[in-house]
Amino acid sequence: MTASAISSVSADPALRETLASLNNPALIRRCAHLAPDRGGDYADVQAATLVTPHLLAQRMEQLTEQVRDLQRRLTAVAQTHARQLLERPL
Protein backbone atom coordinates (compact mmCIF):
# COMPACT_ATOMS: atom_id res chain seq x y z
CA MET A 1 0.00 0.00 0.00
CA THR A 2 1.31 3.40 -0.87
CA ALA A 3 0.08 6.90 -0.39
CA SER A 4 -0.37 7.12 -4.16
CA ALA A 5 -2.83 4.23 -3.94
CA ILE A 6 -4.86 6.31 -1.52
CA SER A 7 -4.64 9.40 -3.71
CA SER A 8 -5.90 7.49 -6.75
CA VAL A 9 -9.32 7.18 -5.15
CA SER A 10 -11.63 10.12 -4.69
CA ALA A 11 -10.74 10.56 -1.04
CA ASP A 12 -11.03 13.78 0.86
CA PRO A 13 -8.05 15.98 -0.12
CA ALA A 14 -7.25 16.55 3.58
CA LEU A 15 -7.01 12.78 4.13
CA ARG A 16 -4.81 12.35 1.05
CA GLU A 17 -2.51 15.12 2.24
CA THR A 18 -2.27 13.61 5.72
CA LEU A 19 -1.36 10.17 4.35
CA ALA A 20 0.98 11.32 1.57
CA SER A 21 3.90 12.11 3.87
CA LEU A 22 3.80 8.82 5.80
CA ASN A 23 6.27 5.99 5.25
CA ASN A 24 4.79 2.55 4.59
CA PRO A 25 4.68 1.26 8.20
CA ALA A 26 3.09 4.50 9.43
CA LEU A 27 0.68 4.55 6.48
CA ILE A 28 -0.44 1.00 7.20
CA ARG A 29 -0.97 1.76 10.90
CA ARG A 30 -2.92 4.92 10.08
CA CYS A 31 -5.12 3.26 7.46
CA ALA A 32 -5.81 0.31 9.78
CA HIS A 33 -7.34 2.76 12.22
CA LEU A 34 -9.50 4.64 9.75
CA ALA A 35 -13.14 4.50 10.79
CA PRO A 36 -15.01 3.38 7.67
CA ASP A 37 -18.35 2.63 9.33
CA ARG A 38 -20.89 5.38 8.85
CA GLY A 39 -23.87 3.54 10.26
CA GLY A 40 -23.84 0.88 7.57
CA ASP A 41 -24.43 3.33 4.70
CA TYR A 42 -22.40 1.54 2.06
CA ALA A 43 -23.47 3.99 -0.65
CA ASP A 44 -21.79 6.86 1.19
CA VAL A 45 -18.76 7.99 -0.84
CA GLN A 46 -16.67 8.92 2.20
CA ALA A 47 -17.29 5.51 3.78
CA ALA A 48 -16.40 3.79 0.53
CA THR A 49 -13.10 5.65 0.25
CA LEU A 50 -12.17 4.65 3.80
CA VAL A 51 -13.20 1.01 3.89
CA THR A 52 -10.78 -0.30 1.24
CA PRO A 53 -7.52 1.10 2.68
CA HIS A 54 -8.81 0.21 6.15
CA LEU A 55 -9.37 -3.45 5.27
CA LEU A 56 -6.15 -3.73 3.24
CA ALA A 57 -4.10 -2.25 6.05
CA GLN A 58 -5.67 -4.56 8.62
CA ARG A 59 -4.87 -7.55 6.40
CA MET A 60 -1.28 -6.35 5.97
CA GLU A 61 -0.92 -6.11 9.74
CA GLN A 62 -2.33 -9.64 10.11
CA LEU A 63 0.04 -11.03 7.49
CA THR A 64 3.02 -9.24 9.05
CA GLU A 65 2.22 -10.80 12.43
CA GLN A 66 1.81 -14.23 10.83
CA VAL A 67 5.23 -13.88 9.17
CA ARG A 68 6.79 -12.93 12.52
CA ASP A 69 5.13 -15.91 14.18
CA LEU A 70 6.43 -18.28 11.49
CA GLN A 71 9.92 -16.79 11.79
CA ARG A 72 9.88 -17.42 15.56
CA ARG A 73 8.70 -20.99 15.05
CA LEU A 74 11.24 -21.76 12.32
CA THR A 75 14.02 -20.26 14.41
CA ALA A 76 13.04 -22.49 17.33
CA VAL A 77 13.05 -25.57 15.10
CA ALA A 78 16.41 -24.62 13.59
CA GLN A 79 17.94 -24.00 17.02
CA THR A 80 16.83 -27.45 18.13
CA HIS A 81 17.56 -29.48 15.01
CA ALA A 82 19.94 -27.54 12.77
CA ARG A 83 21.81 -24.89 14.75
CA GLN A 84 24.48 -24.71 12.02
CA LEU A 85 21.94 -23.13 9.68
CA LEU A 86 21.55 -20.19 12.06
CA GLU A 87 25.31 -19.78 12.39
CA ARG A 88 25.91 -19.44 8.65
CA PRO A 89 26.44 -15.91 7.33
CA LEU A 90 23.66 -14.60 5.14
C-alpha atoms as a PDB file:
ATOM      1  CA  MET A   1       0.000   0.000   0.000  1.00  0.00           C
ATOM      2  CA  THR A   2       1.308   3.403  -0.872  1.00  0.00           C
ATOM      3  CA  ALA A   3       0.079   6.902  -0.387  1.00  0.00           C
ATOM      4  CA  SER A   4      -0.375   7.122  -4.163  1.00  0.00           C
ATOM      5  CA  ALA A   5      -2.831   4.233  -3.944  1.00  0.00           C
ATOM      6  CA  ILE A   6      -4.862   6.306  -1.524  1.00  0.00           C
ATOM      7  CA  SER A   7      -4.643   9.396  -3.714  1.00  0.00           C
ATOM      8  CA  SER A   8      -5.898   7.486  -6.748  1.00  0.00           C
ATOM      9  CA  VAL A   9      -9.319   7.184  -5.154  1.00  0.00           C
ATOM     10  CA  SER A  10     -11.628  10.117  -4.688  1.00  0.00           C
ATOM     11  CA  ALA A  11     -10.738  10.565  -1.038  1.00  0.00           C
ATOM     12  CA  ASP A  12     -11.033  13.776   0.864  1.00  0.00           C
ATOM     13  CA  PRO A  13      -8.045  15.985  -0.117  1.00  0.00           C
ATOM     14  CA  ALA A  14      -7.249  16.553   3.577  1.00  0.00           C
ATOM     15  CA  LEU A  15      -7.012  12.781   4.130  1.00  0.00           C
ATOM     16  CA  ARG A  16      -4.811  12.346   1.045  1.00  0.00           C
ATOM     17  CA  GLU A  17      -2.514  15.122   2.239  1.00  0.00           C
ATOM     18  CA  THR A  18      -2.274  13.609   5.724  1.00  0.00           C
ATOM     19  CA  LEU A  19      -1.360  10.174   4.345  1.00  0.00           C
ATOM     20  CA  ALA A  20       0.976  11.318   1.569  1.00  0.00           C
ATOM     21  CA  SER A  21       3.898  12.110   3.867  1.00  0.00           C
ATOM     22  CA  LEU A  22       3.802   8.818   5.797  1.00  0.00           C
ATOM     23  CA  ASN A  23       6.275   5.989   5.246  1.00  0.00           C
ATOM     24  CA  ASN A  24       4.789   2.548   4.592  1.00  0.00           C
ATOM     25  CA  PRO A  25       4.683   1.262   8.203  1.00  0.00           C
ATOM     26  CA  ALA A  26       3.089   4.500   9.428  1.00  0.00           C
ATOM     27  CA  LEU A  27       0.685   4.553   6.478  1.00  0.00           C
ATOM     28  CA  ILE A  28      -0.441   1.005   7.201  1.00  0.00           C
ATOM     29  CA  ARG A  29      -0.973   1.764  10.904  1.00  0.00           C
ATOM     30  CA  ARG A  30      -2.918   4.923  10.082  1.00  0.00           C
ATOM     31  CA  CYS A  31      -5.117   3.255   7.464  1.00  0.00           C
ATOM     32  CA  ALA A  32      -5.809   0.307   9.782  1.00  0.00           C
ATOM     33  CA  HIS A  33      -7.336   2.760  12.220  1.00  0.00           C
ATOM     34  CA  LEU A  34      -9.502   4.639   9.750  1.00  0.00           C
ATOM     35  CA  ALA A  35     -13.145   4.504  10.790  1.00  0.00           C
ATOM     36  CA  PRO A  36     -15.015   3.378   7.668  1.00  0.00           C
ATOM     37  CA  ASP A  37     -18.348   2.630   9.330  1.00  0.00           C
ATOM     38  CA  ARG A  38     -20.891   5.377   8.848  1.00  0.00           C
ATOM     39  CA  GLY A  39     -23.866   3.541  10.256  1.00  0.00           C
ATOM     40  CA  GLY A  40     -23.841   0.884   7.571  1.00  0.00           C
ATOM     41  CA  ASP A  41     -24.433   3.328   4.701  1.00  0.00           C
ATOM     42  CA  TYR A  42     -22.402   1.537   2.057  1.00  0.00           C
ATOM     43  CA  ALA A  43     -23.472   3.985  -0.649  1.00  0.00           C
ATOM     44  CA  ASP A  44     -21.795   6.857   1.193  1.00  0.00           C
ATOM     45  CA  VAL A  45     -18.759   7.994  -0.841  1.00  0.00           C
ATOM     46  CA  GLN A  46     -16.666   8.916   2.205  1.00  0.00           C
ATOM     47  CA  ALA A  47     -17.294   5.514   3.784  1.00  0.00           C
ATOM     48  CA  ALA A  48     -16.403   3.787   0.527  1.00  0.00           C
ATOM     49  CA  THR A  49     -13.103   5.653   0.247  1.00  0.00           C
ATOM     50  CA  LEU A  50     -12.169   4.655   3.805  1.00  0.00           C
ATOM     51  CA  VAL A  51     -13.196   1.009   3.886  1.00  0.00           C
ATOM     52  CA  THR A  52     -10.779  -0.304   1.243  1.00  0.00           C
ATOM     53  CA  PRO A  53      -7.524   1.102   2.685  1.00  0.00           C
ATOM     54  CA  HIS A  54      -8.809   0.213   6.153  1.00  0.00           C
ATOM     55  CA  LEU A  55      -9.373  -3.449   5.265  1.00  0.00           C
ATOM     56  CA  LEU A  56      -6.154  -3.727   3.239  1.00  0.00           C
ATOM     57  CA  ALA A  57      -4.101  -2.250   6.050  1.00  0.00           C
ATOM     58  CA  GLN A  58      -5.672  -4.555   8.619  1.00  0.00           C
ATOM     59  CA  ARG A  59      -4.867  -7.547   6.402  1.00  0.00           C
ATOM     60  CA  MET A  60      -1.279  -6.353   5.965  1.00  0.00           C
ATOM     61  CA  GLU A  61      -0.921  -6.113   9.740  1.00  0.00           C
ATOM     62  CA  GLN A  62      -2.326  -9.637  10.112  1.00  0.00           C
ATOM     63  CA  LEU A  63       0.044 -11.032   7.490  1.00  0.00           C
ATOM     64  CA  THR A  64       3.018  -9.243   9.054  1.00  0.00           C
ATOM     65  CA  GLU A  65       2.219 -10.799  12.427  1.00  0.00           C
ATOM     66  CA  GLN A  66       1.809 -14.229  10.826  1.00  0.00           C
ATOM     67  CA  VAL A  67       5.226 -13.881   9.166  1.00  0.00           C
ATOM     68  CA  ARG A  68       6.788 -12.931  12.522  1.00  0.00           C
ATOM     69  CA  ASP A  69       5.130 -15.911  14.181  1.00  0.00           C
ATOM     70  CA  LEU A  70       6.431 -18.275  11.491  1.00  0.00           C
ATOM     71  CA  GLN A  71       9.924 -16.792  11.789  1.00  0.00           C
ATOM     72  CA  ARG A  72       9.884 -17.418  15.559  1.00  0.00           C
ATOM     73  CA  ARG A  73       8.696 -20.994  15.054  1.00  0.00           C
ATOM     74  CA  LEU A  74      11.238 -21.756  12.321  1.00  0.00           C
ATOM     75  CA  THR A  75      14.023 -20.262  14.412  1.00  0.00           C
ATOM     76  CA  ALA A  76      13.044 -22.487  17.331  1.00  0.00           C
ATOM     77  CA  VAL A  77      13.051 -25.575  15.096  1.00  0.00           C
ATOM     78  CA  ALA A  78      16.406 -24.622  13.587  1.00  0.00           C
ATOM     79  CA  GLN A  79      17.936 -24.001  17.022  1.00  0.00           C
ATOM     80  CA  THR A  80      16.834 -27.451  18.130  1.00  0.00           C
ATOM     81  CA  HIS A  81      17.562 -29.478  15.011  1.00  0.00           C
ATOM     82  CA  ALA A  82      19.944 -27.540  12.768  1.00  0.00           C
ATOM     83  CA  ARG A  83      21.810 -24.892  14.745  1.00  0.00           C
ATOM     84  CA  GLN A  84      24.480 -24.713  12.022  1.00  0.00           C
ATOM     85  CA  LEU A  85      21.939 -23.128   9.682  1.00  0.00           C
ATOM     86  CA  LEU A  86      21.554 -20.194  12.055  1.00  0.00           C
ATOM     87  CA  GLU A  87      25.308 -19.784  12.393  1.00  0.00           C
ATOM     88  CA  ARG A  88      25.912 -19.445   8.652  1.00  0.00           C
ATOM     89  CA  PRO A  89      26.444 -15.910   7.331  1.00  0.00           C
ATOM     90  CA  LEU A  90      23.662 -14.600   5.145  1.00  0.00           C
END
